[in-house]
Amino acid sequence: LSSLFGQCLPQLRELFEASADRTTLTSAIGGGGSVEVEITPDAAALLEEARLLVVCACHLLTDDNAGETPLVPDAIVKSTMAGGSGSVEQEATTAAVVGLVNSLVSLAEFQASRIA
């Protein structure tokens, strides 16, 4: 999942930047007002891919939120402890979870930077 994010996020950034550049140019020429940006089939597919990746990641990294405190699911915690401290399996699982979380944070930070 993390590697899929790694492939999708650079393309998504390019799409957002190109869209923002066209919007800025159109706003400057048209003097403001509403701006329509055409979404190509490729862009729509990329946005859908990103949406599905985010949904999958959220389902993997969150529990059912039963109770007062949301927690990381037990399966994730157990898998990052598998094989004992320093084992190859534990390090690989931990690296995958950290990579997935970092991808989500990167996407959120990029979206926030485009709003600001």
Foldseek 3Di string as FASTA:
>chain_A
DLVLLVVLVVVLLVVLVVQVVVVVVCCVVVVHDDDDDDQDPVNVVSVVSVVVLVVVLCVQQWDPPPDDDIDGDPVLVVQLCPPHPPDPSNVVSVVVNVSSVVSVVVVVVSVVVSVD
